N, C-alpha and C. Protein backbone atom coordinates (compact mmCIF):
# COMPACT_ATOMS: atom_id res chain seq x y z
N MET A 1 0.98 -0.79 0.04
CA MET A 1 0.15 -0.04 0.10
C MET A 1 0.91 1.25 0.02
N SER A 2 0.57 2.17 -0.81
CA SER A 2 1.46 3.42 -0.90
C SER A 2 1.03 4.34 -0.18
N ASN A 3 2.07 5.31 0.28
CA ASN A 3 1.46 6.61 0.94
C ASN A 3 1.39 7.70 0.19
N LYS A 4 1.49 7.59 -0.98
CA LYS A 4 1.48 8.82 -1.98
C LYS A 4 0.41 8.60 -3.07
N LEU A 5 -0.31 9.79 -3.28
CA LEU A 5 -1.34 9.74 -4.44
C LEU A 5 -0.63 11.12 -5.33
N THR A 6 -0.73 10.60 -6.48
CA THR A 6 -0.69 11.78 -7.62
C THR A 6 -1.55 11.79 -8.67
N ILE A 7 -2.34 13.06 -8.85
CA ILE A 7 -3.20 13.47 -9.73
C ILE A 7 -2.73 14.43 -10.44
N GLU A 8 -3.03 14.19 -11.72
CA GLU A 8 -2.84 15.20 -13.00
C GLU A 8 -4.13 15.68 -13.33
N LEU A 9 -4.36 17.02 -13.49
CA LEU A 9 -5.73 17.70 -13.70
C LEU A 9 -5.80 18.91 -14.51
N ASP A 10 -6.58 19.09 -15.28
CA ASP A 10 -6.56 20.62 -16.13
C ASP A 10 -7.80 21.26 -15.66
N ASN A 11 -7.60 22.23 -14.82
CA ASN A 11 -8.51 23.11 -14.32
C ASN A 11 -8.75 24.04 -15.72
N SER A 12 -9.63 24.19 -16.55
CA SER A 12 -10.16 24.89 -17.37
C SER A 12 -10.79 26.12 -16.97
N ASN A 13 -11.22 26.28 -15.66
CA ASN A 13 -11.63 27.49 -15.27
C ASN A 13 -10.79 28.63 -15.49
N ASN A 14 -11.01 29.99 -15.41
CA ASN A 14 -9.92 30.81 -15.12
C ASN A 14 -10.08 31.21 -13.90
N LYS A 15 -10.31 30.59 -13.01
CA LYS A 15 -9.99 31.03 -11.47
C LYS A 15 -9.65 29.50 -10.78
N ASN A 16 -9.42 30.01 -9.40
CA ASN A 16 -8.92 28.80 -8.79
C ASN A 16 -10.30 28.08 -8.36
N THR A 17 -10.15 26.65 -8.36
CA THR A 17 -11.01 25.93 -8.13
C THR A 17 -10.82 24.88 -6.97
N VAL A 18 -11.98 24.52 -6.14
CA VAL A 18 -11.92 23.64 -4.83
C VAL A 18 -12.06 22.20 -5.51
N LEU A 19 -11.04 21.40 -5.14
CA LEU A 19 -10.70 19.86 -5.58
C LEU A 19 -11.13 19.56 -4.35
N THR A 20 -12.35 18.73 -4.35
CA THR A 20 -12.67 17.52 -3.05
C THR A 20 -11.93 16.14 -3.41
N THR A 21 -11.14 15.42 -2.97
CA THR A 21 -10.61 14.41 -3.19
C THR A 21 -11.22 13.04 -2.52
N PRO A 22 -11.10 12.04 -2.80
CA PRO A 22 -11.57 10.58 -1.94
C PRO A 22 -10.58 10.49 -0.93
N ILE A 23 -9.49 10.92 -0.87
CA ILE A 23 -8.70 10.63 0.38
C ILE A 23 -8.94 11.34 1.54
N TYR A 24 -9.09 10.28 2.54
CA TYR A 24 -9.31 10.79 3.89
C TYR A 24 -8.21 11.93 4.55
N ARG A 25 -8.58 12.89 5.22
CA ARG A 25 -7.53 13.79 5.80
C ARG A 25 -7.02 13.26 6.99
N TYR A 26 -5.76 13.06 7.31
CA TYR A 26 -5.37 12.45 8.70
C TYR A 26 -4.00 13.71 8.99
N LYS A 27 -3.81 13.62 10.25
CA LYS A 27 -2.44 14.24 10.53
C LYS A 27 -1.28 13.73 10.06
N GLY A 28 -0.39 14.50 9.63
CA GLY A 28 0.93 14.05 8.91
C GLY A 28 0.86 14.05 7.53
N GLN A 29 -0.48 14.58 6.78
CA GLN A 29 -0.90 14.78 5.40
C GLN A 29 0.13 15.98 4.70
N VAL A 30 0.68 15.82 3.84
CA VAL A 30 1.38 16.53 2.98
C VAL A 30 0.98 16.80 1.72
N ALA A 31 0.57 18.00 1.01
CA ALA A 31 0.25 18.19 -0.24
C ALA A 31 1.10 19.14 -0.82
N SER A 32 1.01 18.92 -2.11
CA SER A 32 1.89 19.75 -3.06
C SER A 32 1.00 20.15 -4.51
N ILE A 33 1.21 21.47 -4.96
CA ILE A 33 0.67 21.53 -6.42
C ILE A 33 1.78 21.95 -6.98
N ASN A 34 2.16 21.34 -8.19
CA ASN A 34 3.21 21.38 -9.05
C ASN A 34 4.37 22.01 -8.33
N GLY A 35 4.82 21.15 -7.20
CA GLY A 35 6.01 21.23 -6.41
C GLY A 35 5.94 22.08 -5.54
N LYS A 36 5.03 22.79 -5.13
CA LYS A 36 4.67 24.03 -4.28
C LYS A 36 3.97 23.34 -3.09
N LEU A 37 4.64 23.26 -1.85
CA LEU A 37 3.67 22.87 -0.77
C LEU A 37 2.44 23.84 -0.58
N VAL A 38 1.32 23.09 -0.15
CA VAL A 38 0.05 23.73 -0.38
C VAL A 38 -0.84 23.17 1.36
N GLN A 39 -1.59 24.11 1.64
CA GLN A 39 -2.62 23.79 2.67
C GLN A 39 -3.69 23.07 2.19
N THR A 40 -4.39 22.08 2.99
CA THR A 40 -5.37 21.37 2.69
C THR A 40 -6.38 21.42 3.95
N LYS A 41 -7.79 21.59 3.66
CA LYS A 41 -8.59 21.61 4.33
C LYS A 41 -9.59 20.29 4.71
N LEU A 42 -10.38 20.14 5.32
CA LEU A 42 -11.08 18.90 5.75
C LEU A 42 -12.56 19.17 5.20
N SER A 43 -12.90 18.41 4.13
CA SER A 43 -14.20 18.56 3.39
C SER A 43 -15.25 18.00 4.33
N LYS A 44 -16.58 18.49 4.17
CA LYS A 44 -17.70 17.83 4.99
C LYS A 44 -17.71 16.71 5.08
N PHE A 45 -16.98 15.75 4.12
CA PHE A 45 -16.95 14.20 3.76
C PHE A 45 -15.96 13.81 4.91
N GLY A 46 -14.98 14.58 5.15
CA GLY A 46 -14.00 14.02 5.87
C GLY A 46 -12.87 13.89 5.25
N THR A 47 -12.82 14.32 4.06
CA THR A 47 -11.63 13.92 2.94
C THR A 47 -10.79 15.12 2.60
N THR A 48 -9.99 15.11 1.98
CA THR A 48 -8.95 16.11 1.72
C THR A 48 -9.46 17.23 0.50
N GLU A 49 -9.35 18.72 0.82
CA GLU A 49 -10.06 19.46 -0.07
C GLU A 49 -8.64 20.46 -0.32
N LEU A 50 -8.60 20.89 -1.82
CA LEU A 50 -7.54 21.60 -1.93
C LEU A 50 -8.09 22.75 -2.99
N THR A 51 -7.21 23.71 -2.88
CA THR A 51 -7.62 24.82 -4.03
C THR A 51 -6.71 24.64 -5.15
N ILE A 52 -7.26 24.53 -6.44
CA ILE A 52 -6.44 24.22 -7.46
C ILE A 52 -6.49 25.52 -8.52
N PRO A 53 -5.27 26.10 -8.77
CA PRO A 53 -4.93 27.13 -9.62
C PRO A 53 -5.68 26.95 -11.25
N PRO A 54 -5.77 27.87 -12.11
CA PRO A 54 -6.22 27.44 -13.51
C PRO A 54 -5.04 26.75 -14.04
N GLY A 55 -5.42 26.12 -15.29
CA GLY A 55 -4.55 25.32 -15.75
C GLY A 55 -4.04 23.93 -15.65
N ILE A 56 -2.98 23.31 -16.18
CA ILE A 56 -2.61 21.91 -15.95
C ILE A 56 -1.83 21.82 -14.52
N ASN A 57 -2.22 20.85 -13.58
CA ASN A 57 -1.60 20.92 -12.47
C ASN A 57 -1.50 19.62 -11.93
N LYS A 58 -0.38 19.52 -11.25
CA LYS A 58 0.16 17.94 -10.72
C LYS A 58 -0.21 18.01 -9.17
N VAL A 59 -1.14 17.24 -8.72
CA VAL A 59 -1.15 17.13 -7.20
C VAL A 59 -0.70 15.88 -6.87
N VAL A 60 0.15 16.17 -5.68
CA VAL A 60 0.55 14.91 -4.91
C VAL A 60 0.36 15.17 -3.54
N ILE A 61 -0.25 13.96 -2.80
CA ILE A 61 -0.58 14.02 -1.53
C ILE A 61 0.14 12.98 -0.82
N THR A 62 0.74 13.17 0.26
CA THR A 62 1.65 12.00 0.82
C THR A 62 1.25 12.13 2.36
N TYR A 63 1.59 11.06 3.08
CA TYR A 63 1.48 10.89 4.64
C TYR A 63 2.69 10.68 5.15
N GLN A 64 2.95 11.20 6.22
CA GLN A 64 4.34 11.40 7.03
C GLN A 64 3.68 11.01 8.39
N TYR A 65 4.49 10.07 9.14
CA TYR A 65 4.39 10.18 10.70
C TYR A 65 4.42 11.15 11.45
N THR A 66 3.83 11.47 12.24
CA THR A 66 3.79 12.74 12.95
C THR A 66 4.92 12.49 14.06
N LYS A 67 5.43 13.75 14.76
CA LYS A 67 6.57 13.43 15.66
C LYS A 67 5.86 12.64 16.87
N LEU A 68 4.57 12.80 17.21
CA LEU A 68 4.08 12.06 18.35
C LEU A 68 3.92 10.64 18.18
N ALA A 69 3.45 10.32 16.82
CA ALA A 69 3.14 8.80 16.39
C ALA A 69 4.64 8.00 16.43
N ILE A 70 5.79 8.78 15.86
CA ILE A 70 7.02 8.16 15.88
C ILE A 70 7.44 7.95 17.34
N ALA A 71 7.30 8.83 18.21
CA ALA A 71 7.75 8.81 19.67
C ALA A 71 6.81 7.50 20.25
N SER A 72 5.56 7.61 19.95
CA SER A 72 4.74 6.31 20.59
C SER A 72 5.29 5.22 20.19
N ARG A 73 5.59 5.00 19.02
CA ARG A 73 6.02 3.49 18.37
C ARG A 73 7.29 3.15 19.13
N TYR A 74 8.20 4.25 19.42
CA TYR A 74 9.58 4.00 20.12
C TYR A 74 9.21 3.66 21.83
N LEU A 75 8.39 4.27 22.31
CA LEU A 75 8.06 4.18 23.65
C LEU A 75 7.24 2.42 23.59
N SER A 76 6.65 2.33 22.86
CA SER A 76 5.85 1.05 22.75
C SER A 76 6.69 -0.09 22.66
N ILE A 77 8.02 0.18 21.82
CA ILE A 77 9.20 -0.80 21.51
C ILE A 77 9.90 -0.90 23.04
N VAL A 78 10.21 -0.03 23.58
CA VAL A 78 11.18 0.07 24.78
C VAL A 78 10.11 -0.55 25.89
N THR A 79 8.89 -0.20 25.95
CA THR A 79 8.12 -0.74 27.16
C THR A 79 7.94 -2.33 26.84
N LEU A 80 7.77 -2.87 25.57
CA LEU A 80 7.68 -4.22 25.49
C LEU A 80 8.91 -4.84 25.90
N ILE A 81 10.10 -4.32 25.46
CA ILE A 81 11.37 -4.96 25.75
C ILE A 81 11.83 -4.87 27.48
N LEU A 82 11.32 -4.01 27.97
CA LEU A 82 11.58 -3.86 29.48
C LEU A 82 10.28 -4.72 30.18
N PHE A 83 9.18 -4.83 29.49
CA PHE A 83 8.38 -5.95 30.25
C PHE A 83 8.84 -7.66 30.01
N LEU A 84 9.44 -7.64 28.91
CA LEU A 84 9.84 -9.07 28.66
C LEU A 84 10.99 -9.33 29.49
N LEU A 85 11.86 -8.28 29.53
CA LEU A 85 13.17 -8.49 30.39
C LEU A 85 12.80 -8.78 32.01
N TYR A 86 11.81 -7.95 32.46
CA TYR A 86 11.20 -8.16 33.64
C TYR A 86 10.49 -9.24 34.04
N ARG A 87 9.95 -10.03 32.94
CA ARG A 87 9.13 -10.97 33.16
C ARG A 87 9.99 -12.41 33.16
N PHE A 88 10.84 -12.34 32.45
CA PHE A 88 12.05 -13.47 32.19
C PHE A 88 12.71 -13.44 33.40
N THR A 89 13.16 -12.33 33.92
CA THR A 89 14.03 -12.27 35.05
C THR A 89 13.59 -12.75 36.30
N PHE A 90 12.26 -12.31 36.77
CA PHE A 90 11.76 -12.71 37.77
C PHE A 90 10.96 -13.96 37.67
N SER A 91 10.46 -14.14 36.83
CA SER A 91 10.02 -15.36 36.60
C SER A 91 10.91 -16.88 36.97
N LYS A 92 12.20 -16.69 36.30
CA LYS A 92 13.34 -17.55 36.80
C LYS A 92 13.84 -17.58 38.13
N GLN A 93 13.78 -16.06 38.90
CA GLN A 93 14.19 -16.40 40.38
C GLN A 93 13.02 -16.93 41.16
N LYS A 94 11.86 -16.81 40.91
CA LYS A 94 10.67 -17.48 41.65
C LYS A 94 10.38 -18.73 41.72
N GLN A 95 11.11 -19.42 40.79
CA GLN A 95 10.53 -21.14 40.43
C GLN A 95 11.59 -21.85 41.90
N PRO A 96 10.99 -22.66 42.54
CA PRO A 96 11.44 -23.28 43.58
C PRO A 96 12.43 -24.18 43.08
N ARG A 97 13.49 -24.66 43.97
CA ARG A 97 14.65 -25.47 43.54
C ARG A 97 14.09 -26.75 43.84
N ARG A 98 14.65 -27.45 42.96
CA ARG A 98 14.00 -28.99 43.27
C ARG A 98 15.43 -29.61 43.74
N GLU A 99 15.05 -30.42 44.79
CA GLU A 99 16.15 -31.01 45.30
C GLU A 99 16.37 -32.66 44.97
N VAL A 100 17.53 -32.80 44.56
CA VAL A 100 17.92 -33.98 44.21
C VAL A 100 18.09 -35.10 45.03
N GLN A 101 17.42 -36.26 44.83
CA GLN A 101 17.44 -37.30 45.78
C GLN A 101 18.52 -38.27 45.36
N HIS A 102 19.36 -38.43 46.13
CA HIS A 102 20.41 -39.42 45.63
C HIS A 102 19.80 -41.02 46.33
N SER A 103 19.76 -41.79 45.56
CA SER A 103 19.57 -43.27 45.82
C SER A 103 20.94 -43.99 46.32
N HIS A 104 20.96 -44.59 47.52
CA HIS A 104 22.21 -45.36 47.97
C HIS A 104 21.91 -46.66 47.83
């Protein structure tokens, strides 16, 4: 699954036009028109809306993890590792010793 959508379109109007895409808008979304970063808006459908200038345009919408999402991922991994270390360290210490009986 790709995190990039490219649309090429011709806005034949002589004025800016609002384009409502079928792409849901999420935090971390980055959009550009003809290589220039642009702001996106949330449409009433929850999808991405952009203002397209007149003429032929190349729209690129991508997603990047937010800093919070990246930090959360690393925190989850560290927590899992610490939990596993704790679990295996203390589970071995609490096991009762077996006494070996020697038969004479």
